[in-house]
Amino acid sequence: MAFRSGICRRWALSGLTLLVPLTSGAGIVEDVRVQVGQNTYAAADSELRDYRARHGVTPEYLEAMSWMARGAAAMKQWNQAAGYARETRMLSEQLLTRQKLDSEPHLPIALGAAYEVLAQSMSETGQRTQAAVLLRGALLKYGKTSIAARLQKNLNLISLVDRPAPPLQAAQYLGPKPPALASLKGSPVLLFFWAHWCGDCKAEIPIIARLRREYWSAGLVVIGPTQYYGYAARGEDATPAQEKTYIESVRQRYYASLLDMPVPLSKANFSTYGASTTPTLVVLDRAGKVAMYHPGAMPYEELRAAVEKAAR
């Protein structure tokens, strides 16, 4: 069975809710995550040093160190975050001289987080251009690996707003045939990237359905791209045909208020929009430009404000 990067645990960190991919054999990762969540960095750092002395630099060690970087970023301690992220990146790329990035689950999590935190740190300290250069370079190196969408997400956070929305691929779809985005100029558009396994996506449905009713007269169009993940119910391996049937059953059961929402089925859309987080919400204005790009769920008031602005 393939690694299930989409199966997550919710993790609270200093008031910030994070979605943590579940992996196996990661005692050091779990320990450091707990200590970071409790803001006991000295204990986490001590455990990391002890682990490295006994086991050396392993993928598990690097994922654990990436949580130090993410914890510092959540606290907006950007110098500390960048320091942990740089070390994670350097050691990860040294390890890549001996193994492939996606040969196990911990190393891609570590390297993806390192680039993410480095880009965040640079952006937050007035180096947005340098952050974009960093991420574009990483995409050239890792564009065909599992971290590509995560890298694209972070690049989009820096540079996608106010640009024309990239087109969607829609050769396969569920529900009505998806319209081309270029044909929707003149209307505000909400793109709702979702996954069949995603609980936060299901929780967002009433908000999106309400906004569609409220902005129907303004011409709001809602499109819900999703993709194949290679598994279906209970994480069991599935062929594309089997998974498509399962996605349709999820849509019928949980998305009843949005059954007339076009649902393009394409991994390429997730790559282009960097939708490594689900849901990812993208609002387009009447000119077809990206007005808002938001990885993660949004409360009604915040999403409504973005739709309202785009509908003017």
Protein backbone atom coordinates (compact mmCIF):
# COMPACT_ATOMS: atom_id res chain seq x y z
CA MET A 1 0.00 0.00 0.00
CA ALA A 2 1.33 3.47 -0.88
CA PHE A 3 2.14 6.10 1.74
CA ARG A 4 -1.04 7.98 2.66
CA SER A 5 0.16 11.57 2.71
CA GLY A 6 -3.45 12.71 2.73
CA ILE A 7 -4.38 10.94 5.96
CA CYS A 8 -3.81 13.45 8.73
CA ARG A 9 -4.02 14.12 12.44
CA ARG A 10 -5.11 17.52 13.72
CA TRP A 11 -2.40 19.15 15.84
CA ALA A 12 -2.84 22.29 17.94
CA LEU A 13 0.23 24.49 18.23
CA SER A 14 0.03 27.73 20.21
CA GLY A 15 -3.49 28.40 18.97
CA LEU A 16 -2.68 27.37 15.38
CA THR A 17 -4.33 24.25 14.00
CA LEU A 18 -2.03 22.18 11.81
CA LEU A 19 -2.74 19.02 9.86
CA VAL A 20 -0.03 16.47 10.51
CA PRO A 21 0.48 13.53 8.13
CA LEU A 22 0.47 10.25 10.01
CA THR A 23 3.57 8.12 9.50
CA SER A 24 4.85 5.00 11.17
CA GLY A 25 8.03 4.38 13.18
CA ALA A 26 8.38 8.00 14.14
CA GLY A 27 8.84 8.06 17.95
CA ILE A 28 11.25 10.98 17.79
CA VAL A 29 8.83 12.87 15.55
CA GLU A 30 5.93 12.38 17.95
CA ASP A 31 8.04 13.34 20.97
CA VAL A 32 9.35 16.54 19.39
CA ARG A 33 5.91 17.45 18.11
CA VAL A 34 4.50 17.16 21.63
CA GLN A 35 7.31 19.24 23.11
CA VAL A 36 6.97 21.92 20.42
CA GLY A 37 3.23 22.02 21.07
CA GLN A 38 4.00 22.60 24.75
CA ASN A 39 6.57 25.27 23.85
CA THR A 40 9.37 23.31 25.57
CA TYR A 41 12.01 23.84 22.92
CA ALA A 42 14.96 23.11 25.21
CA ALA A 43 13.63 19.62 25.94
CA ALA A 44 12.95 19.02 22.24
CA ASP A 45 16.42 20.21 21.28
CA SER A 46 17.98 17.96 23.91
CA GLU A 47 16.05 14.95 22.64
CA LEU A 48 17.11 15.69 19.08
CA ARG A 49 20.78 15.85 20.09
CA ASP A 50 20.48 12.57 22.01
CA TYR A 51 18.73 10.87 19.09
CA ARG A 52 21.37 12.03 16.61
CA ALA A 53 24.19 10.80 18.86
CA ARG A 54 22.62 7.35 18.98
CA HIS A 55 21.17 7.00 15.48
CA GLY A 56 22.81 9.62 13.28
CA VAL A 57 20.88 11.73 10.77
CA THR A 58 17.85 9.71 9.72
CA PRO A 59 14.70 10.76 7.84
CA GLU A 60 12.82 10.57 11.16
CA TYR A 61 15.34 12.91 12.76
CA LEU A 62 14.93 15.39 9.92
CA GLU A 63 11.15 15.35 10.11
CA ALA A 64 11.41 15.98 13.84
CA MET A 65 13.77 18.91 13.23
CA SER A 66 11.34 20.31 10.68
CA TRP A 67 8.79 20.53 13.49
CA MET A 68 11.19 22.74 15.40
CA ALA A 69 11.23 25.04 12.37
CA ARG A 70 7.44 24.99 12.02
CA GLY A 71 6.94 25.62 15.71
CA ALA A 72 9.21 28.65 15.66
CA ALA A 73 7.42 29.93 12.55
CA ALA A 74 4.05 29.57 14.27
CA MET A 75 5.44 31.75 17.09
CA LYS A 76 6.74 34.22 14.44
CA GLN A 77 10.30 33.73 15.67
CA TRP A 78 11.60 34.02 12.14
CA ASN A 79 15.37 33.91 12.76
CA GLN A 80 15.05 30.75 14.83
CA ALA A 81 12.63 29.23 12.32
CA ALA A 82 14.97 29.94 9.41
CA GLY A 83 17.91 28.43 11.31
CA TYR A 84 16.12 25.13 11.91
CA ALA A 85 14.79 25.15 8.34
CA ARG A 86 18.23 25.75 6.78
CA GLU A 87 19.75 22.90 8.79
CA THR A 88 16.87 20.59 7.88
CA ARG A 89 17.26 21.45 4.22
CA MET A 90 21.04 21.00 4.22
CA LEU A 91 20.96 17.63 5.99
CA SER A 92 18.02 16.42 3.90
CA GLU A 93 19.80 17.20 0.66
CA GLN A 94 22.92 15.44 1.94
CA LEU A 95 20.79 12.37 2.63
CA LEU A 96 19.44 12.58 -0.92
CA THR A 97 22.88 11.63 -2.22
CA ARG A 98 22.19 8.15 -0.80
CA GLN A 99 18.45 7.67 -1.29
CA LYS A 100 15.55 8.95 -3.36
CA LEU A 101 13.26 11.58 -1.89
CA ASP A 102 10.10 9.49 -2.01
CA SER A 103 11.61 6.16 -0.94
CA GLU A 104 9.96 6.57 2.49
CA PRO A 105 7.55 9.11 4.04
CA HIS A 106 9.67 11.17 6.48
CA LEU A 107 12.24 12.78 4.19
CA PRO A 108 9.77 14.50 1.82
CA ILE A 109 7.85 15.87 4.81
CA ALA A 110 11.09 17.24 6.24
CA LEU A 111 12.40 18.80 3.02
CA GLY A 112 9.02 20.22 2.02
CA ALA A 113 8.65 21.82 5.46
CA ALA A 114 12.19 23.22 5.30
CA TYR A 115 11.51 25.03 2.04
CA GLU A 116 8.11 26.17 3.30
CA VAL A 117 9.47 27.70 6.50
CA LEU A 118 12.45 29.27 4.72
CA ALA A 119 10.11 30.92 2.21
CA GLN A 120 7.79 32.10 4.99
CA SER A 121 10.70 33.51 6.97
CA MET A 122 12.07 35.37 3.97
CA SER A 123 8.67 36.70 2.98
CA GLU A 124 7.88 37.87 6.51
CA THR A 125 11.20 39.71 6.78
CA GLY A 126 10.86 41.69 3.56
CA GLN A 127 12.50 39.26 1.14
CA ARG A 128 9.52 38.16 -0.96
CA THR A 129 11.47 38.25 -4.22
CA GLN A 130 14.21 36.05 -2.76
CA ALA A 131 11.59 33.68 -1.36
CA ALA A 132 10.03 33.30 -4.81
CA VAL A 133 13.46 32.63 -6.34
CA LEU A 134 14.13 29.98 -3.69
CA LEU A 135 10.83 28.20 -4.38
CA ARG A 136 11.18 28.36 -8.17
CA GLY A 137 14.61 26.79 -7.86
CA ALA A 138 13.23 24.07 -5.62
CA LEU A 139 10.47 23.36 -8.14
CA LEU A 140 13.10 22.89 -10.85
CA LYS A 141 14.82 20.29 -8.65
CA TYR A 142 11.80 18.57 -7.13
CA GLY A 143 9.00 19.28 -9.57
CA LYS A 144 8.45 15.58 -10.23
CA THR A 145 8.37 14.50 -6.59
CA SER A 146 5.70 14.40 -3.90
CA ILE A 147 6.66 17.84 -2.54
CA ALA A 148 5.98 19.70 -5.80
CA ALA A 149 2.45 20.77 -4.85
CA ARG A 150 3.67 21.99 -1.47
CA LEU A 151 6.37 24.07 -3.12
CA GLN A 152 3.85 25.46 -5.62
CA LYS A 153 1.45 26.30 -2.79
CA ASN A 154 4.08 28.43 -1.10
CA LEU A 155 5.04 30.09 -4.36
CA ASN A 156 1.37 30.84 -5.02
CA LEU A 157 1.01 32.39 -1.57
CA ILE A 158 3.70 34.85 -2.55
CA SER A 159 2.93 35.51 -6.19
CA LEU A 160 -0.47 34.26 -7.43
CA VAL A 161 -2.79 37.02 -6.20
CA ASP A 162 -3.56 39.67 -8.86
CA ARG A 163 -2.40 37.33 -11.64
CA PRO A 164 -4.73 35.72 -14.23
CA ALA A 165 -6.05 32.44 -12.90
CA PRO A 166 -4.33 29.39 -14.45
CA PRO A 167 -6.75 27.29 -16.55
CA LEU A 168 -8.23 24.09 -15.16
CA GLN A 169 -7.88 20.70 -16.84
CA ALA A 170 -11.29 19.06 -17.11
CA ALA A 171 -11.02 16.04 -19.40
CA GLN A 172 -12.47 13.98 -16.54
CA TYR A 173 -15.12 15.34 -14.21
CA LEU A 174 -18.12 14.59 -12.03
CA GLY A 175 -21.38 16.52 -12.12
CA PRO A 176 -21.94 19.12 -14.86
CA LYS A 177 -19.23 19.74 -17.43
CA PRO A 178 -16.80 22.32 -15.96
CA PRO A 179 -16.70 25.60 -17.87
CA ALA A 180 -13.37 27.03 -18.96
CA LEU A 181 -12.27 29.75 -16.55
CA ALA A 182 -11.69 32.09 -19.48
CA SER A 183 -15.40 31.82 -20.32
CA LEU A 184 -16.35 33.01 -16.83
CA LYS A 185 -14.88 36.49 -17.08
CA GLY A 186 -17.50 38.91 -15.86
CA SER A 187 -18.49 36.61 -12.98
CA PRO A 188 -16.84 36.07 -9.60
CA VAL A 189 -15.61 32.49 -9.19
CA LEU A 190 -14.86 30.36 -6.14
CA LEU A 191 -12.56 27.36 -6.63
CA PHE A 192 -12.94 24.77 -3.87
CA PHE A 193 -10.16 22.16 -3.99
CA TRP A 194 -11.26 19.14 -1.94
CA ALA A 195 -10.43 15.49 -1.26
CA HIS A 196 -12.69 12.55 -0.57
CA TRP A 197 -10.88 11.82 2.73
CA CYS A 198 -10.90 15.43 3.97
CA GLY A 199 -13.03 16.21 7.02
CA ASP A 200 -12.33 19.96 6.82
CA CYS A 201 -13.65 19.92 3.25
CA LYS A 202 -16.95 18.43 4.41
CA ALA A 203 -17.15 21.06 7.17
CA GLU A 204 -16.69 23.84 4.58
CA ILE A 205 -19.63 22.70 2.43
CA PRO A 206 -22.42 24.55 4.32
CA ILE A 207 -20.38 27.76 4.14
CA ILE A 208 -19.86 27.46 0.39
CA ALA A 209 -23.48 26.48 -0.24
CA ARG A 210 -24.66 29.51 1.77
CA LEU A 211 -22.37 31.88 -0.10
CA ARG A 212 -23.53 30.51 -3.42
CA ARG A 213 -27.15 31.20 -2.47
CA GLU A 214 -26.32 34.69 -1.22
CA TYR A 215 -24.29 35.64 -4.30
CA TRP A 216 -26.34 33.84 -6.92
CA SER A 217 -27.70 37.14 -8.24
CA ALA A 218 -24.13 38.46 -8.49
CA GLY A 219 -23.29 35.53 -10.77
CA LEU A 220 -21.02 33.62 -8.38
CA VAL A 221 -19.78 30.37 -9.95
CA VAL A 222 -18.44 27.58 -7.73
CA ILE A 223 -16.15 24.87 -9.14
CA GLY A 224 -14.83 22.04 -6.97
CA PRO A 225 -11.68 20.40 -8.36
CA THR A 226 -10.55 17.12 -6.82
CA GLN A 227 -8.09 14.38 -7.78
CA TYR A 228 -7.28 10.69 -7.48
CA TYR A 229 -5.21 9.64 -4.47
CA GLY A 230 -4.87 5.93 -5.27
CA TYR A 231 -7.05 4.76 -2.41
CA ALA A 232 -10.66 4.77 -1.33
CA ALA A 233 -12.58 3.74 1.79
CA ARG A 234 -10.43 2.90 4.83
CA GLY A 235 -7.29 3.72 2.84
CA GLU A 236 -7.55 0.62 0.68
CA ASP A 237 -5.78 0.69 -2.68
CA ALA A 238 -8.08 1.50 -5.58
CA THR A 239 -7.86 1.72 -9.35
CA PRO A 240 -8.86 5.07 -10.89
CA ALA A 241 -12.24 3.58 -11.87
CA GLN A 242 -12.83 2.28 -8.35
CA GLU A 243 -11.75 5.54 -6.78
CA LYS A 244 -13.94 7.56 -9.14
CA THR A 245 -16.94 5.50 -8.02
CA TYR A 246 -15.96 6.09 -4.40
CA ILE A 247 -15.52 9.84 -4.92
CA GLU A 248 -18.99 9.96 -6.45
CA SER A 249 -20.43 8.15 -3.43
CA VAL A 250 -18.75 10.69 -1.11
CA ARG A 251 -20.09 13.52 -3.25
CA GLN A 252 -23.63 12.14 -3.13
CA ARG A 253 -23.49 11.59 0.63
CA TYR A 254 -21.73 14.71 1.89
CA TYR A 255 -22.00 17.25 -0.93
CA ALA A 256 -25.75 17.07 -1.52
CA SER A 257 -26.11 20.86 -1.37
CA LEU A 258 -23.45 21.21 -4.10
CA LEU A 259 -24.33 18.37 -6.48
CA ASP A 260 -24.62 20.80 -9.39
CA MET A 261 -21.06 22.05 -8.72
CA PRO A 262 -18.73 20.97 -11.56
CA VAL A 263 -15.94 18.73 -10.24
CA PRO A 264 -12.87 18.46 -12.51
CA LEU A 265 -10.82 15.34 -11.73
CA SER A 266 -7.15 16.08 -12.31
CA LYS A 267 -3.90 15.93 -10.37
CA ALA A 268 -2.57 18.62 -12.72
CA ASN A 269 -5.00 21.17 -11.27
CA PHE A 270 -3.75 20.44 -7.76
CA SER A 271 -0.16 20.81 -8.93
CA THR A 272 -0.82 24.09 -10.73
CA TYR A 273 -2.69 25.59 -7.79
CA GLY A 274 -0.40 24.05 -5.19
CA ALA A 275 -3.34 22.44 -3.42
CA SER A 276 -1.27 20.28 -1.09
CA THR A 277 -3.62 21.42 1.67
CA THR A 278 -7.31 20.61 1.46
CA PRO A 279 -9.47 22.46 1.27
CA THR A 280 -7.70 25.13 -0.75
CA LEU A 281 -9.96 28.09 -1.53
CA VAL A 282 -9.31 30.44 -4.45
CA VAL A 283 -11.48 33.43 -5.34
CA LEU A 284 -11.33 34.99 -8.82
CA ASP A 285 -12.58 38.47 -9.57
CA ARG A 286 -14.70 39.47 -12.54
CA ALA A 287 -11.58 40.08 -14.60
CA GLY A 288 -10.49 36.46 -14.12
CA LYS A 289 -7.64 37.36 -11.79
CA VAL A 290 -6.88 35.65 -8.49
CA ALA A 291 -8.29 37.85 -5.73
CA MET A 292 -7.63 35.43 -2.86
CA TYR A 293 -5.56 32.29 -2.42
CA HIS A 294 -6.02 30.41 0.85
CA PRO A 295 -4.76 26.92 1.72
CA GLY A 296 -7.02 25.54 4.45
CA ALA A 297 -10.57 26.00 5.67
CA MET A 298 -12.06 29.47 6.21
CA PRO A 299 -14.89 30.67 8.45
CA TYR A 300 -17.98 32.11 6.79
CA GLU A 301 -17.22 35.76 7.59
CA GLU A 302 -13.72 35.68 6.09
CA LEU A 303 -14.68 33.82 2.94
CA ARG A 304 -17.74 36.02 2.49
CA ALA A 305 -15.57 39.14 2.67
CA ALA A 306 -13.33 37.78 -0.11
CA VAL A 307 -16.30 36.85 -2.30
CA GLU A 308 -17.95 40.22 -1.66
CA LYS A 309 -14.82 42.08 -2.74
CA ALA A 310 -14.46 39.98 -5.90
CA ALA A 311 -18.13 40.44 -6.80
CA ARG A 312 -17.95 44.24 -6.90
